[in-house]
Amino acid sequence: MFSTMILGGLLPFLSLVFLIVCLVVSAVGFRRVVYFISIGYGSSVGAMATCAIVVAVLAEGSVSVTAGILMLAYGLRLGVYLFRRERNDVYRNAVAKDRDRERPMAFGVKVAIWITVSLLYVVMFMPLTTRVARETAGVIDPAPWLSWIGIAIMAFGIVFEALADYQKAQAKKKAPDRFCDGGLYAVVRCPNYFGELLVWTGNLIVGTSLLRDWLTWILATVGYVSIFLIMKGSARRLELKQGERYGRDPAYQAYIAKVPIIFPFIPIYSFRNAKVYLG
């Protein structure tokens, strides 16, 4: 009753449906733990987007339908990319070495990870979920121009991340043992993570004008801050890994000294000593 009064109408039901969807889809992680946050992540976003599109079409919400299609494209693209990467011999060999150093994980810990990441995906998706629910209830967007700006940022982020992944894959085909510093990687060292942040920034902006109560704002903010800290942690982990692999290469040292780590043109070059991050 409380959640229905605070969140209003369809939103609690949609959130529950999305949680069930994420739990089902991300269960792939029980095969291998990393799948909870890789294949399970992209597939969960794509599955939630599919549900959102269906509801948005019935509500005739053009912004929600467009955002849903973009998030579906994002989830499918990421899922396919990660699946294909898993089949790459070079990547599999590198993962095998890391796996040999891993300790067996208790089933209870896997269950905790499964539930936690599924909840996180739902919270990250909250701005679009809220928008779909509000439009279904007949609420009019007071700032449609802002929502379309969010759509544009989301679309740009999807293209940016996809191009970054493509450029790195091509670079690794030519020189598997060299770091990637061409294309977008000449501007920022983790362009894929920057693109990811743009996607979720766009998602937040898409729902901003319809996040009308403190609870939806808290949930949306937690989701956005979480993905920011996850990308920060991922960039830090990659920095440490590349430092072990290329740290003695003068060209690599020159590269990391002049190219920002995650935000283009913002002179932040390292997260090695970061204290606040996830992942």
Foldseek 3Di string as FASTA:
>chain_A
DVCCVFLHDCLVVLLVVLLVLLLVQLVVCVVPVVSNVALSLLVSQLVSLVVQLVLCVVLVPPLLNLLSVLSNVLSVLRNVLVVVLCVDPLSVVVVVVVVVVDDDDDPVVSVVSSSVSSNLSSLLLLLSSSVSRCSSVVDDQPCVVQLVVLSVLLNVLSVQLSVVSVQQVVVCVVPVQDQDCDDCNVFAVCSNLLSVLSNSSSSCSNRVSRQDGDVSVVSNVVSSVQSVQASLVVLQVVVVVVCVRCVVPVVVVVSLCPHDHHDGPDPHRHCPVPDGGDD
